[in-house]
């Protein structure tokens, strides 16, 4: 009978131990799933916070840009009012001067280049004396002047041309005297 009770108690003990181990593993699994859910909930909450922050930043940027555009519109409106109050002859002179100045600079580039090239190609003093500008310089100075004057005049002419066309392209319609 002792052996019989030992076998029964041993079997119950083994079953209880197996159940206990299974319970512990199931408890660990449950805790792991709870941790994963909490981790995912935390991650979603953080993503929501980041999205809310990004939405707020975007709203601030949109408000800033809208305010900038509104300010620019008002500045242009005020500038148009100021321009429309100025004398028409003043705007006409300004609008005529820029293209005239630009054209004259390009004419100067052509004249300097032609005269100085003639001097650079001159083989004697008689040919050099026939030039308009270059006859006042030595051949070495003529070479230096070709480089300096032509480069400076070309730079100034192109800058004036681009400035004039750039101003015209960006000017509001009221500034162009249509």
N, C-alpha and C. Protein backbone atom coordinates (compact mmCIF):
# COMPACT_ATOMS: atom_id res chain seq x y z
N UNK A 1 0.80 -1.16 0.00
CA UNK A 1 0.00 0.00 0.00
C UNK A 1 0.87 1.25 0.00
N UNK A 2 2.00 1.21 0.64
CA UNK A 2 2.89 2.34 0.69
C UNK A 2 3.40 2.70 -0.69
N UNK A 3 3.65 1.61 -1.42
CA UNK A 3 4.12 1.88 -2.75
C UNK A 3 3.03 2.48 -3.61
N UNK A 4 1.87 2.01 -3.40
CA UNK A 4 0.73 2.50 -4.14
C UNK A 4 0.50 3.98 -3.86
N UNK A 5 0.54 4.37 -2.57
CA UNK A 5 0.36 5.77 -2.19
C UNK A 5 1.51 6.61 -2.73
N UNK A 6 2.72 6.06 -2.75
CA UNK A 6 3.87 6.78 -3.28
C UNK A 6 3.71 7.03 -4.76
N UNK A 7 3.17 6.07 -5.45
CA UNK A 7 2.96 6.25 -6.87
C UNK A 7 1.88 7.28 -7.12
N UNK A 8 0.82 7.25 -6.35
CA UNK A 8 -0.28 8.22 -6.52
C UNK A 8 0.23 9.62 -6.20
N UNK A 9 0.89 9.72 -5.03
CA UNK A 9 1.38 11.05 -4.66
C UNK A 9 2.46 11.54 -5.63
N UNK A 10 3.30 10.61 -6.09
CA UNK A 10 4.33 10.99 -7.07
C UNK A 10 3.70 11.47 -8.36
N UNK A 11 2.66 10.79 -8.80
CA UNK A 11 1.97 11.20 -10.04
C UNK A 11 1.29 12.54 -9.86
N UNK A 12 0.64 12.74 -8.70
CA UNK A 12 -0.02 14.02 -8.43
C UNK A 12 1.01 15.13 -8.36
N UNK A 13 2.13 14.83 -7.70
CA UNK A 13 3.19 15.83 -7.58
C UNK A 13 3.73 16.20 -8.96
N UNK A 14 3.95 15.21 -9.83
CA UNK A 14 4.45 15.48 -11.18
C UNK A 14 3.45 16.30 -11.98
N UNK A 15 2.19 15.92 -11.87
CA UNK A 15 1.14 16.67 -12.58
C UNK A 15 1.07 18.09 -12.05
N UNK A 16 1.12 18.25 -10.73
CA UNK A 16 1.05 19.58 -10.12
C UNK A 16 2.27 20.40 -10.52
N UNK A 17 3.43 19.77 -10.51
CA UNK A 17 4.65 20.48 -10.90
C UNK A 17 4.55 20.90 -12.36
N UNK A 18 4.09 20.01 -13.22
CA UNK A 18 3.92 20.35 -14.65
C UNK A 18 2.93 21.48 -14.83
N UNK A 19 1.83 21.42 -14.06
CA UNK A 19 0.83 22.49 -14.14
C UNK A 19 1.39 23.81 -13.65
N UNK A 20 2.22 23.72 -12.56
CA UNK A 20 2.84 24.93 -12.03
C UNK A 20 3.79 25.55 -13.04
N UNK A 21 4.59 24.70 -13.66
CA UNK A 21 5.54 25.21 -14.67
C UNK A 21 4.78 25.81 -15.84
N UNK A 22 3.73 25.12 -16.27
CA UNK A 22 2.90 25.65 -17.34
C UNK A 22 2.28 26.98 -16.93
N UNK A 23 1.81 27.09 -15.70
CA UNK A 23 1.22 28.33 -15.20
C UNK A 23 2.24 29.47 -15.19
N UNK A 24 3.47 29.13 -14.75
CA UNK A 24 4.52 30.17 -14.73
C UNK A 24 4.81 30.62 -16.16
N UNK A 25 4.95 29.67 -17.08
CA UNK A 25 5.21 30.03 -18.48
C UNK A 25 4.05 30.84 -19.07
N UNK A 26 2.82 30.43 -18.76
CA UNK A 26 1.66 31.18 -19.25
C UNK A 26 1.65 32.58 -18.66
N UNK A 27 2.00 32.73 -17.38
CA UNK A 27 2.06 34.03 -16.73
C UNK A 27 3.13 34.89 -17.40
N UNK A 28 4.31 34.31 -17.67
CA UNK A 28 5.36 35.04 -18.37
C UNK A 28 4.90 35.46 -19.77
N UNK A 29 4.19 34.57 -20.46
CA UNK A 29 3.66 34.91 -21.79
C UNK A 29 2.67 36.05 -21.72
N UNK A 30 1.81 36.01 -20.70
CA UNK A 30 0.83 37.08 -20.52
C UNK A 30 1.53 38.39 -20.23
N UNK A 31 2.53 38.35 -19.35
CA UNK A 31 3.29 39.56 -19.03
C UNK A 31 4.01 40.10 -20.28
N UNK A 32 4.55 39.19 -21.08
CA UNK A 32 5.22 39.60 -22.31
C UNK A 32 4.23 40.28 -23.26
N UNK A 33 3.02 39.69 -23.43
CA UNK A 33 2.02 40.30 -24.29
C UNK A 33 1.56 41.65 -23.76
N UNK A 34 1.40 41.77 -22.43
CA UNK A 34 1.04 43.06 -21.82
C UNK A 34 2.13 44.10 -22.10
N UNK A 35 3.39 43.67 -21.95
CA UNK A 35 4.51 44.58 -22.21
C UNK A 35 4.51 45.03 -23.67
N UNK A 36 4.29 44.09 -24.60
CA UNK A 36 4.26 44.43 -26.02
C UNK A 36 3.13 45.41 -26.32
N UNK A 37 1.95 45.17 -25.74
CA UNK A 37 0.81 46.09 -25.95
C UNK A 37 1.12 47.46 -25.39
N UNK A 38 1.71 47.50 -24.19
CA UNK A 38 2.06 48.78 -23.58
C UNK A 38 3.13 49.48 -24.42
N UNK A 39 4.08 48.69 -24.92
CA UNK A 39 5.13 49.26 -25.76
C UNK A 39 4.54 49.84 -27.04
N UNK A 40 3.63 49.10 -27.67
CA UNK A 40 2.98 49.60 -28.88
C UNK A 40 2.12 50.82 -28.59
N UNK A 41 1.42 50.81 -27.48
CA UNK A 41 0.60 51.97 -27.11
C UNK A 41 1.49 53.18 -26.87
N UNK A 42 2.62 52.96 -26.20
CA UNK A 42 3.56 54.06 -25.96
C UNK A 42 4.12 54.58 -27.28
N UNK A 43 4.48 53.66 -28.17
CA UNK A 43 5.01 54.05 -29.48
C UNK A 43 3.98 54.84 -30.26
N UNK A 44 2.72 54.40 -30.24
CA UNK A 44 1.66 55.13 -30.93
C UNK A 44 1.44 56.49 -30.29
N UNK A 45 1.49 56.56 -28.98
CA UNK A 45 1.33 57.85 -28.29
C UNK A 45 2.45 58.81 -28.66
N UNK A 46 3.68 58.28 -28.73
CA UNK A 46 4.81 59.12 -29.12
C UNK A 46 4.68 59.58 -30.57
N UNK A 47 4.24 58.67 -31.43
CA UNK A 47 4.04 59.06 -32.84
C UNK A 47 2.96 60.12 -32.95
N UNK A 48 1.91 60.00 -32.13
CA UNK A 48 0.84 61.01 -32.13
C UNK A 48 1.39 62.35 -31.65
N UNK A 49 2.24 62.31 -30.62
CA UNK A 49 2.84 63.56 -30.12
C UNK A 49 3.72 64.20 -31.18
N UNK A 50 4.51 63.37 -31.86
CA UNK A 50 5.37 63.89 -32.92
C UNK A 50 4.52 64.46 -34.04
N UNK A 51 3.46 63.75 -34.41
CA UNK A 51 2.57 64.24 -35.47
C UNK A 51 1.90 65.54 -35.04
N UNK A 52 1.46 65.62 -33.79
CA UNK A 52 0.86 66.85 -33.29
C UNK A 52 1.86 68.00 -33.33
N UNK A 53 3.11 67.72 -32.95
CA UNK A 53 4.15 68.75 -32.99
C UNK A 53 4.40 69.20 -34.42
N UNK A 54 4.48 68.22 -35.35
CA UNK A 54 4.69 68.56 -36.75
C UNK A 54 3.52 69.36 -37.31
N UNK A 55 2.30 68.97 -36.92
CA UNK A 55 1.12 69.72 -37.36
C UNK A 55 1.16 71.16 -36.84
N UNK A 56 1.56 71.31 -35.58
CA UNK A 56 1.66 72.65 -34.99
C UNK A 56 2.73 73.47 -35.69
N UNK A 57 3.89 72.84 -35.93
CA UNK A 57 4.97 73.55 -36.64
C UNK A 57 4.52 73.95 -38.04
N UNK A 58 3.80 73.06 -38.72
CA UNK A 58 3.32 73.37 -40.06
C UNK A 58 2.31 74.51 -40.01
N UNK A 59 1.45 74.50 -39.03
CA UNK A 59 0.47 75.59 -38.90
C UNK A 59 1.19 76.91 -38.65
N UNK A 60 2.24 76.89 -37.82
CA UNK A 60 3.01 78.11 -37.56
C UNK A 60 3.69 78.58 -38.84
N UNK A 61 4.30 77.64 -39.59
CA UNK A 61 4.96 78.01 -40.84
C UNK A 61 3.95 78.56 -41.84
N UNK A 62 2.78 77.93 -41.94
CA UNK A 62 1.76 78.43 -42.86
C UNK A 62 1.31 79.83 -42.47
N UNK A 63 1.13 80.06 -41.16
CA UNK A 63 0.74 81.39 -40.70
C UNK A 63 1.84 82.41 -40.99
N UNK A 64 3.10 82.00 -40.80
CA UNK A 64 4.22 82.90 -41.07
C UNK A 64 4.28 83.25 -42.55
N UNK A 65 4.17 82.24 -43.41
CA UNK A 65 4.22 82.48 -44.85
C UNK A 65 3.04 83.33 -45.29
N UNK A 66 1.86 83.03 -44.78
CA UNK A 66 0.68 83.82 -45.12
C UNK A 66 0.86 85.26 -44.68
N UNK A 67 1.40 85.44 -43.48
CA UNK A 67 1.66 86.80 -43.00
C UNK A 67 2.69 87.51 -43.85
N UNK A 68 3.72 86.78 -44.29
CA UNK A 68 4.73 87.39 -45.15
C UNK A 68 4.13 87.81 -46.48
N UNK A 69 3.32 86.92 -47.06
CA UNK A 69 2.69 87.27 -48.35
C UNK A 69 1.73 88.44 -48.18
N UNK A 70 0.97 88.43 -47.09
CA UNK A 70 0.06 89.55 -46.86
C UNK A 70 0.83 90.85 -46.71
N UNK A 71 1.96 90.80 -46.00
CA UNK A 71 2.80 91.99 -45.84
C UNK A 71 3.37 92.44 -47.17
N UNK A 72 3.82 91.47 -47.99
CA UNK A 72 4.35 91.82 -49.31
C UNK A 72 3.28 92.45 -50.19
N UNK A 73 2.07 91.88 -50.16
CA UNK A 73 0.97 92.45 -50.95
C UNK A 73 0.69 93.89 -50.54
N UNK A 74 0.67 94.13 -49.23
CA UNK A 74 0.42 95.48 -48.75
C UNK A 74 1.56 96.42 -49.11
N UNK A 75 2.80 95.94 -49.06
CA UNK A 75 3.94 96.77 -49.46
C UNK A 75 3.85 97.14 -50.93
N UNK A 76 3.52 96.16 -51.76
CA UNK A 76 3.39 96.44 -53.19
C UNK A 76 2.23 97.38 -53.46
N UNK A 77 1.14 97.21 -52.75
CA UNK A 77 0.00 98.10 -52.92
C UNK A 77 0.39 99.53 -52.53
N UNK A 78 1.11 99.67 -51.42
CA UNK A 78 1.56 101.00 -51.00
C UNK A 78 2.55 101.59 -51.99
N UNK A 79 3.44 100.73 -52.53
CA UNK A 79 4.41 101.21 -53.52
C UNK A 79 3.72 101.65 -54.80
N UNK A 80 2.68 100.93 -55.21
CA UNK A 80 1.93 101.32 -56.40
C UNK A 80 1.22 102.64 -56.19
N UNK A 81 0.68 102.83 -54.99
CA UNK A 81 0.02 104.11 -54.69
C UNK A 81 1.04 105.23 -54.74
N UNK A 82 2.22 104.99 -54.16
CA UNK A 82 3.29 106.00 -54.18
C UNK A 82 3.72 106.28 -55.62
N UNK A 83 3.88 105.21 -56.41
CA UNK A 83 4.31 105.39 -57.80
C UNK A 83 3.26 106.12 -58.62
N UNK A 84 2.00 105.83 -58.35
CA UNK A 84 0.95 106.49 -59.12
C UNK A 84 0.84 107.96 -58.73
N UNK A 85 1.31 108.32 -57.52
CA UNK A 85 1.28 109.72 -57.10
C UNK A 85 2.49 110.50 -57.60
N UNK A 86 3.54 109.81 -58.09
CA UNK A 86 4.71 110.53 -58.58
C UNK A 86 4.40 111.12 -59.95
N UNK A 87 5.22 112.06 -60.35
CA UNK A 87 4.99 112.72 -61.63
C UNK A 87 5.29 111.77 -62.77
N UNK A 88 4.45 111.79 -63.78
CA UNK A 88 4.64 110.88 -64.90
C UNK A 88 5.95 111.17 -65.64
N UNK A 89 6.33 112.45 -65.75
CA UNK A 89 7.58 112.77 -66.45
C UNK A 89 8.78 112.18 -65.73
N UNK A 90 8.69 112.07 -64.39
CA UNK A 90 9.78 111.47 -63.62
C UNK A 90 9.93 109.99 -63.96
N UNK A 91 8.82 109.28 -64.00
CA UNK A 91 8.87 107.86 -64.38
C UNK A 91 9.30 107.69 -65.82
N UNK A 92 8.86 108.59 -66.71
CA UNK A 92 9.25 108.51 -68.11
C UNK A 92 10.75 108.70 -68.28
N UNK A 93 11.33 109.67 -67.57
CA UNK A 93 12.78 109.90 -67.67
C UNK A 93 13.54 108.68 -67.16
N UNK A 94 13.09 108.14 -66.03
CA UNK A 94 13.75 106.94 -65.49
C UNK A 94 13.65 105.79 -66.48
N UNK A 95 12.49 105.60 -67.07
CA UNK A 95 12.30 104.49 -68.01
C UNK A 95 13.06 104.69 -69.32
N UNK A 96 13.34 105.92 -69.70
CA UNK A 96 14.13 106.18 -70.90
C UNK A 96 15.63 106.12 -70.61
N UNK A 97 16.03 106.54 -69.43
CA UNK A 97 17.45 106.62 -69.10
C UNK A 97 18.11 105.24 -69.06
N UNK A 98 17.47 104.28 -68.46
CA UNK A 98 18.08 102.97 -68.32
C UNK A 98 18.40 102.32 -69.65
N UNK A 99 17.46 102.23 -70.59
CA UNK A 99 17.83 101.61 -71.88
C UNK A 99 18.86 102.45 -72.65
N UNK A 100 18.78 103.79 -72.54
CA UNK A 100 19.76 104.65 -73.21
C UNK A 100 21.15 104.40 -72.63
N UNK A 101 21.24 104.37 -71.32
CA UNK A 101 22.52 104.13 -70.66
C UNK A 101 23.10 102.78 -71.04
N UNK A 102 22.27 101.77 -71.04
CA UNK A 102 22.72 100.43 -71.40
C UNK A 102 23.21 100.39 -72.85
N UNK A 103 22.46 100.99 -73.74
CA UNK A 103 22.85 101.02 -75.15
C UNK A 103 24.16 101.77 -75.33
N UNK A 104 24.31 102.90 -74.66
CA UNK A 104 25.55 103.67 -74.78
C UNK A 104 26.75 102.87 -74.26
N UNK A 105 26.58 102.12 -73.21
CA UNK A 105 27.69 101.30 -72.72
C UNK A 105 28.09 100.25 -73.75
N UNK A 106 27.13 99.64 -74.40
CA UNK A 106 27.47 98.65 -75.42
C UNK A 106 28.13 99.31 -76.63
N UNK A 107 27.72 100.52 -76.98
CA UNK A 107 28.39 101.25 -78.06
C UNK A 107 29.83 101.54 -77.67
N UNK A 108 30.05 101.93 -76.41
CA UNK A 108 31.42 102.18 -75.93
C UNK A 108 32.27 100.93 -76.00
N UNK A 109 31.70 99.80 -75.64
CA UNK A 109 32.43 98.54 -75.73
C UNK A 109 32.88 98.32 -77.17
N UNK A 110 31.98 98.53 -78.11
CA UNK A 110 32.32 98.33 -79.52
C UNK A 110 33.42 99.31 -79.96
N UNK A 111 33.26 100.60 -79.63
CA UNK A 111 34.24 101.61 -80.07
C UNK A 111 35.61 101.37 -79.45
N UNK A 112 35.66 101.10 -78.17
CA UNK A 112 36.96 100.83 -77.52
C UNK A 112 37.62 99.60 -78.13
N UNK A 113 36.84 98.57 -78.30
CA UNK A 113 37.38 97.32 -78.82
C UNK A 113 37.93 97.53 -80.23
N UNK A 114 37.19 98.22 -81.08
CA UNK A 114 37.62 98.46 -82.46
C UNK A 114 38.90 99.31 -82.50
N UNK A 115 38.93 100.40 -81.73
CA UNK A 115 40.08 101.31 -81.75
C UNK A 115 41.32 100.65 -81.15
N UNK A 116 41.15 99.98 -80.03
CA UNK A 116 42.31 99.37 -79.39
C UNK A 116 42.83 98.17 -80.18
N UNK A 117 41.95 97.44 -80.83
CA UNK A 117 42.42 96.35 -81.69
C UNK A 117 43.20 96.89 -82.89
N UNK A 118 42.74 98.02 -83.42
CA UNK A 118 43.49 98.64 -84.53
C UNK A 118 44.88 99.05 -84.05
N UNK A 119 44.97 99.59 -82.83
CA UNK A 119 46.27 99.97 -82.28
C UNK A 119 47.13 98.76 -81.99
N UNK A 120 46.54 97.69 -81.53
CA UNK A 120 47.31 96.48 -81.22
C UNK A 120 47.84 95.85 -82.50
N UNK A 121 47.14 96.03 -83.59
CA UNK A 121 47.57 95.47 -84.87
C UNK A 121 48.48 96.44 -85.65
N UNK A 122 48.64 97.66 -85.13
CA UNK A 122 49.48 98.65 -85.83
C UNK A 122 50.94 98.20 -85.80
N UNK A 123 51.59 98.32 -86.96
CA UNK A 123 52.98 97.88 -87.05
C UNK A 123 53.95 99.05 -86.99
N UNK A 124 53.45 100.28 -87.14
CA UNK A 124 54.34 101.44 -87.05
C UNK A 124 53.61 102.59 -86.36
N UNK A 125 54.30 103.65 -86.10
CA UNK A 125 53.74 104.80 -85.38
C UNK A 125 52.70 105.54 -86.22
N UNK A 126 52.80 105.49 -87.55
CA UNK A 126 51.82 106.16 -88.41
C UNK A 126 50.47 105.49 -88.27
N UNK A 127 50.44 104.16 -88.29
CA UNK A 127 49.19 103.42 -88.12
C UNK A 127 48.63 103.65 -86.71
N UNK A 128 49.52 103.72 -85.72
CA UNK A 128 49.07 103.99 -84.35
C UNK A 128 48.49 105.40 -84.24
N UNK A 129 49.07 106.35 -84.96
CA UNK A 129 48.60 107.74 -84.92
C UNK A 129 47.23 107.92 -85.53
N UNK A 130 46.79 107.01 -86.37
CA UNK A 130 45.47 107.10 -86.99
C UNK A 130 44.34 106.65 -86.06
N UNK A 131 44.68 106.07 -84.96
CA UNK A 131 43.64 105.63 -84.02
C UNK A 131 43.13 106.81 -83.22
N UNK A 132 41.94 106.70 -82.69
CA UNK A 132 41.32 107.80 -81.96
C UNK A 132 41.79 107.85 -80.51
N UNK A 133 41.76 106.75 -79.83
CA UNK A 133 42.08 106.72 -78.41
C UNK A 133 43.49 106.19 -78.17
N UNK A 134 43.86 105.16 -78.88
CA UNK A 134 45.10 104.43 -78.60
C UNK A 134 46.36 105.21 -78.93
N UNK A 135 46.27 106.25 -79.76
CA UNK A 135 47.48 106.99 -80.13
C UNK A 135 48.12 107.70 -78.94
N UNK A 136 47.42 107.81 -77.85
CA UNK A 136 47.94 108.48 -76.66
C UNK A 136 48.69 107.53 -75.74
N UNK A 137 48.85 106.28 -76.13
CA UNK A 137 49.49 105.28 -75.27
C UNK A 137 50.59 104.55 -76.02
N UNK A 138 51.49 103.93 -75.24
CA UNK A 138 52.52 103.08 -75.83
C UNK A 138 51.89 101.72 -76.16
N UNK A 139 52.55 100.93 -77.01
CA UNK A 139 51.98 99.61 -77.35
C UNK A 139 51.73 98.72 -76.12
N UNK A 140 52.60 98.76 -75.12
CA UNK A 140 52.38 97.96 -73.89
C UNK A 140 51.17 98.45 -73.12
N UNK A 141 51.02 99.78 -73.09
CA UNK A 141 49.85 100.33 -72.41
C UNK A 141 48.57 100.01 -73.17
N UNK A 142 48.65 99.99 -74.48
CA UNK A 142 47.48 99.64 -75.30
C UNK A 142 47.00 98.23 -74.96
N UNK A 143 47.95 97.31 -74.85
CA UNK A 143 47.58 95.93 -74.50
C UNK A 143 46.91 95.86 -73.13
N UNK A 144 47.51 96.58 -72.17
CA UNK A 144 46.92 96.60 -70.83
C UNK A 144 45.55 97.27 -70.86
N UNK A 145 45.43 98.34 -71.65
CA UNK A 145 44.15 99.05 -71.73
C UNK A 145 43.08 98.19 -72.39
N UNK A 146 43.47 97.42 -73.40
CA UNK A 146 42.49 96.52 -74.04
C UNK A 146 41.91 95.59 -73.00
N UNK A 147 42.77 94.99 -72.21
CA UNK A 147 42.29 94.07 -71.18
C UNK A 147 41.43 94.77 -70.15
N UNK A 148 41.91 95.90 -69.65
CA UNK A 148 41.22 96.58 -68.54
C UNK A 148 39.92 97.25 -68.99
N UNK A 149 40.00 98.07 -70.02
CA UNK A 149 38.82 98.84 -70.42
C UNK A 149 37.74 97.95 -71.00
N UNK A 150 38.12 97.04 -71.85
CA UNK A 150 37.11 96.17 -72.45
C UNK A 150 36.45 95.30 -71.38
N UNK A 151 37.24 94.73 -70.47
CA UNK A 151 36.65 93.92 -69.40
C UNK A 151 35.75 94.75 -68.51
N UNK A 152 36.21 95.93 -68.12
CA UNK A 152 35.40 96.78 -67.24
C UNK A 152 34.12 97.26 -67.92
N UNK A 153 34.25 97.67 -69.18
CA UNK A 153 33.07 98.16 -69.90
C UNK A 153 32.09 97.02 -70.17
N UNK A 154 32.61 95.87 -70.55
CA UNK A 154 31.73 94.73 -70.78
C UNK A 154 31.02 94.32 -69.50
N UNK A 155 31.75 94.32 -68.38
CA UNK A 155 31.12 93.98 -67.11
C UNK A 155 30.02 94.99 -66.77
N UNK A 156 30.34 96.28 -66.89
CA UNK A 156 29.37 97.32 -66.55
C UNK A 156 28.16 97.27 -67.47
N UNK A 157 28.40 97.07 -68.76
CA UNK A 157 27.28 97.01 -69.71
C UNK A 157 26.38 95.81 -69.43
N UNK A 158 26.98 94.67 -69.20
CA UNK A 158 26.15 93.49 -68.93
C UNK A 158 25.43 93.61 -67.60
N UNK A 159 26.10 94.17 -66.59
CA UNK A 159 25.44 94.36 -65.30
C UNK A 159 24.26 95.32 -65.44
N UNK A 160 24.47 96.42 -66.16
CA UNK A 160 23.38 97.39 -66.35
C UNK A 160 22.23 96.77 -67.12
N UNK A 161 22.56 96.01 -68.16
CA UNK A 161 21.49 95.36 -68.94
C UNK A 161 20.69 94.37 -68.12
N UNK A 162 21.38 93.53 -67.39
CA UNK A 162 20.68 92.53 -66.57
C UNK A 162 19.90 93.20 -65.44
N UNK A 163 20.47 94.26 -64.88
CA UNK A 163 19.78 94.98 -63.82
C UNK A 163 18.51 95.61 -64.37
N UNK A 164 18.61 96.23 -65.52
CA UNK A 164 17.46 96.89 -66.10
C UNK A 164 16.37 95.88 -66.44
N UNK A 165 16.75 94.79 -67.14
CA UNK A 165 15.76 93.78 -67.49
C UNK A 165 15.23 93.06 -66.25
N UNK A 166 16.09 92.86 -65.25
CA UNK A 166 15.65 92.24 -64.00
C UNK A 166 14.65 93.11 -63.26
N UNK A 167 14.92 94.42 -63.23
CA UNK A 167 13.97 95.35 -62.60
C UNK A 167 12.65 95.36 -63.34
N UNK A 168 12.72 95.36 -64.64
CA UNK A 168 11.49 95.40 -65.45
C UNK A 168 10.68 94.12 -65.26
N UNK A 169 11.37 92.99 -65.18
CA UNK A 169 10.67 91.71 -65.05
C UNK A 169 9.97 91.59 -63.71
N UNK A 170 10.56 92.15 -62.65
CA UNK A 170 10.00 91.99 -61.32
C UNK A 170 9.12 93.15 -60.89
N UNK A 171 9.08 94.21 -61.68
CA UNK A 171 8.29 95.37 -61.30
C UNK A 171 6.80 95.06 -61.45
N UNK A 172 5.99 95.53 -60.50
CA UNK A 172 4.55 95.36 -60.63
C UNK A 172 4.04 96.15 -61.85
N UNK A 173 2.87 95.79 -62.35
CA UNK A 173 2.36 96.45 -63.56
C UNK A 173 2.29 97.98 -63.45
N UNK A 174 2.00 98.51 -62.28
CA UNK A 174 1.88 99.96 -62.12
C UNK A 174 3.20 100.70 -62.28
N UNK A 175 4.32 100.00 -62.16
CA UNK A 175 5.63 100.62 -62.26
C UNK A 175 6.16 100.66 -63.69
N UNK A 176 5.52 99.95 -64.59
CA UNK A 176 6.05 99.83 -65.94
C UNK A 176 5.48 100.89 -66.88
N UNK A 177 4.56 101.72 -66.39
CA UNK A 177 3.95 102.77 -67.21
C UNK A 177 3.42 102.21 -68.53
N UNK A 178 2.48 101.31 -68.42
CA UNK A 178 1.94 100.69 -69.64
C UNK A 178 1.08 101.65 -70.38
